[in-house]
Amino acid sequence: MRNEKQTSEHCKEGLLEMTGAEWDAIHPDYKSIWDTERSDWPDWPAVRSRYMGKRTLLREGALHVEGLSFRIVPSINASSQACGRPLIRR
């Protein structure tokens, strides 16, 4: 488990964290890789690199994009706590 100071710092960043194993355990219906070009976003060329090729996760009705709202951490000791809430619910 993460200590309170680490959780607090994590919440300031605003990113959900999970390990690669946790990512792999998510059902494929709830995760994907962003591969859709957007013609309906006027500033798409400016923000394209933030989305294309990034992992995406549907969680609690929200679409999360790797690097914007979640990240995969390599450590096996990394917690799946996101501001006190488990990332993966079973």
C-alpha atoms as a PDB file:
ATOM      1  CA  MET A   1       0.000   0.000   0.000  1.00  0.00           C
ATOM      2  CA  ARG A   2       1.042   3.546  -0.633  1.00  0.00           C
ATOM      3  CA  ASN A   3       1.614   5.785   2.336  1.00  0.00           C
ATOM      4  CA  GLU A   4      -0.546   8.881   2.766  1.00  0.00           C
ATOM      5  CA  LYS A   5       2.154  11.284   1.543  1.00  0.00           C
ATOM      6  CA  GLN A   6       2.551   9.342  -1.709  1.00  0.00           C
ATOM      7  CA  THR A   7      -1.204   9.195  -2.227  1.00  0.00           C
ATOM      8  CA  SER A   8      -1.454  12.935  -1.652  1.00  0.00           C
ATOM      9  CA  GLU A   9       1.271  13.629  -4.217  1.00  0.00           C
ATOM     10  CA  HIS A  10      -0.401  11.243  -6.635  1.00  0.00           C
ATOM     11  CA  CYS A  11      -3.709  13.092  -6.308  1.00  0.00           C
ATOM     12  CA  LYS A  12      -2.000  16.410  -7.035  1.00  0.00           C
ATOM     13  CA  GLU A  13      -0.739  14.968 -10.305  1.00  0.00           C
ATOM     14  CA  GLY A  14      -4.260  13.879 -11.124  1.00  0.00           C
ATOM     15  CA  LEU A  15      -3.133  10.651 -12.790  1.00  0.00           C
ATOM     16  CA  LEU A  16      -4.471   7.196 -12.064  1.00  0.00           C
ATOM     17  CA  GLU A  17      -1.673   4.647 -11.758  1.00  0.00           C
ATOM     18  CA  MET A  18      -1.628   0.936 -12.465  1.00  0.00           C
ATOM     19  CA  THR A  19       0.968  -1.721 -13.091  1.00  0.00           C
ATOM     20  CA  GLY A  20       1.348  -3.495 -16.396  1.00  0.00           C
ATOM     21  CA  ALA A  21      -0.199  -6.598 -14.813  1.00  0.00           C
ATOM     22  CA  GLU A  22      -3.231  -4.569 -13.741  1.00  0.00           C
ATOM     23  CA  TRP A  23      -3.546  -3.189 -17.281  1.00  0.00           C
ATOM     24  CA  ASP A  24      -3.370  -6.698 -18.709  1.00  0.00           C
ATOM     25  CA  ALA A  25      -6.120  -7.855 -16.317  1.00  0.00           C
ATOM     26  CA  ILE A  26      -8.629  -5.296 -17.631  1.00  0.00           C
ATOM     27  CA  HIS A  27     -11.210  -6.794 -19.980  1.00  0.00           C
ATOM     28  CA  PRO A  28     -10.561  -5.810 -23.629  1.00  0.00           C
ATOM     29  CA  ASP A  29     -14.009  -4.190 -23.835  1.00  0.00           C
ATOM     30  CA  TYR A  30     -12.740  -1.486 -21.456  1.00  0.00           C
ATOM     31  CA  LYS A  31      -9.327  -0.757 -22.953  1.00  0.00           C
ATOM     32  CA  SER A  32      -7.886  -0.006 -26.358  1.00  0.00           C
ATOM     33  CA  ILE A  33      -5.280   1.971 -28.306  1.00  0.00           C
ATOM     34  CA  TRP A  34      -6.311   5.330 -29.752  1.00  0.00           C
ATOM     35  CA  ASP A  35      -6.062   4.951 -33.531  1.00  0.00           C
ATOM     36  CA  THR A  36      -8.821   7.245 -34.811  1.00  0.00           C
ATOM     37  CA  GLU A  37      -7.953  10.420 -36.668  1.00  0.00           C
ATOM     38  CA  ARG A  38     -10.346  13.229 -35.686  1.00  0.00           C
ATOM     39  CA  SER A  39     -11.698  15.602 -38.307  1.00  0.00           C
ATOM     40  CA  ASP A  40     -14.242  17.133 -35.925  1.00  0.00           C
ATOM     41  CA  TRP A  41     -11.640  18.749 -33.609  1.00  0.00           C
ATOM     42  CA  PRO A  42     -10.503  22.093 -35.004  1.00  0.00           C
ATOM     43  CA  ASP A  43      -7.175  21.879 -33.141  1.00  0.00           C
ATOM     44  CA  TRP A  44      -6.581  18.174 -33.881  1.00  0.00           C
ATOM     45  CA  PRO A  45      -3.207  18.718 -35.599  1.00  0.00           C
ATOM     46  CA  ALA A  46      -1.941  20.518 -32.492  1.00  0.00           C
ATOM     47  CA  VAL A  47      -3.112  17.832 -30.020  1.00  0.00           C
ATOM     48  CA  ARG A  48      -2.810  14.712 -32.198  1.00  0.00           C
ATOM     49  CA  SER A  49       0.401  13.516 -30.526  1.00  0.00           C
ATOM     50  CA  ARG A  50      -1.331  13.476 -27.127  1.00  0.00           C
ATOM     51  CA  TYR A  51      -3.813  10.851 -28.311  1.00  0.00           C
ATOM     52  CA  MET A  52      -2.655   8.773 -31.284  1.00  0.00           C
ATOM     53  CA  GLY A  53      -1.154   5.447 -30.256  1.00  0.00           C
ATOM     54  CA  LYS A  54      -1.910   5.974 -26.561  1.00  0.00           C
ATOM     55  CA  ARG A  55      -3.665   3.389 -24.425  1.00  0.00           C
ATOM     56  CA  THR A  56      -7.232   4.274 -23.463  1.00  0.00           C
ATOM     57  CA  LEU A  57      -9.348   3.047 -20.583  1.00  0.00           C
ATOM     58  CA  LEU A  58     -13.078   3.338 -20.003  1.00  0.00           C
ATOM     59  CA  ARG A  59     -13.655   3.636 -16.252  1.00  0.00           C
ATOM     60  CA  GLU A  60     -16.755   4.802 -14.400  1.00  0.00           C
ATOM     61  CA  GLY A  61     -18.192   6.330 -17.571  1.00  0.00           C
ATOM     62  CA  ALA A  62     -15.073   8.358 -18.402  1.00  0.00           C
ATOM     63  CA  LEU A  63     -12.514   7.845 -21.142  1.00  0.00           C
ATOM     64  CA  HIS A  64      -8.972   7.992 -19.759  1.00  0.00           C
ATOM     65  CA  VAL A  65      -5.978   8.477 -22.053  1.00  0.00           C
ATOM     66  CA  GLU A  66      -2.483   7.316 -21.133  1.00  0.00           C
ATOM     67  CA  GLY A  67      -0.296  10.252 -20.201  1.00  0.00           C
ATOM     68  CA  LEU A  68      -3.271  12.572 -19.750  1.00  0.00           C
ATOM     69  CA  SER A  69      -5.289  10.875 -17.017  1.00  0.00           C
ATOM     70  CA  PHE A  70      -3.524   7.588 -16.238  1.00  0.00           C
ATOM     71  CA  ARG A  71      -0.121   5.992 -16.446  1.00  0.00           C
ATOM     72  CA  ILE A  72       1.350   2.521 -16.309  1.00  0.00           C
ATOM     73  CA  VAL A  73       4.028   2.171 -13.631  1.00  0.00           C
ATOM     74  CA  PRO A  74       6.662  -0.543 -13.890  1.00  0.00           C
ATOM     75  CA  SER A  75       6.994  -1.305 -10.192  1.00  0.00           C
ATOM     76  CA  ILE A  76       5.337  -4.423  -8.862  1.00  0.00           C
ATOM     77  CA  ASN A  77       5.021  -2.536  -5.548  1.00  0.00           C
ATOM     78  CA  ALA A  78       3.036   0.282  -7.118  1.00  0.00           C
ATOM     79  CA  SER A  79      -0.413   0.652  -5.654  1.00  0.00           C
ATOM     80  CA  SER A  80      -3.581   0.687  -7.705  1.00  0.00           C
ATOM     81  CA  GLN A  81      -4.999   3.390  -5.476  1.00  0.00           C
ATOM     82  CA  ALA A  82      -6.281   6.510  -7.162  1.00  0.00           C
ATOM     83  CA  CYS A  83      -6.926   9.101  -4.466  1.00  0.00           C
ATOM     84  CA  GLY A  84      -8.022   6.340  -2.116  1.00  0.00           C
ATOM     85  CA  ARG A  85     -10.148   4.408  -4.644  1.00  0.00           C
ATOM     86  CA  PRO A  86      -9.049   1.133  -6.233  1.00  0.00           C
ATOM     87  CA  LEU A  87      -8.446   1.494  -9.960  1.00  0.00           C
ATOM     88  CA  ILE A  88      -9.654  -1.982 -10.836  1.00  0.00           C
ATOM     89  CA  ARG A  89     -12.916  -3.132  -9.306  1.00  0.00           C
ATOM     90  CA  ARG A  90     -13.924  -6.761  -9.471  1.00  0.00           C
END
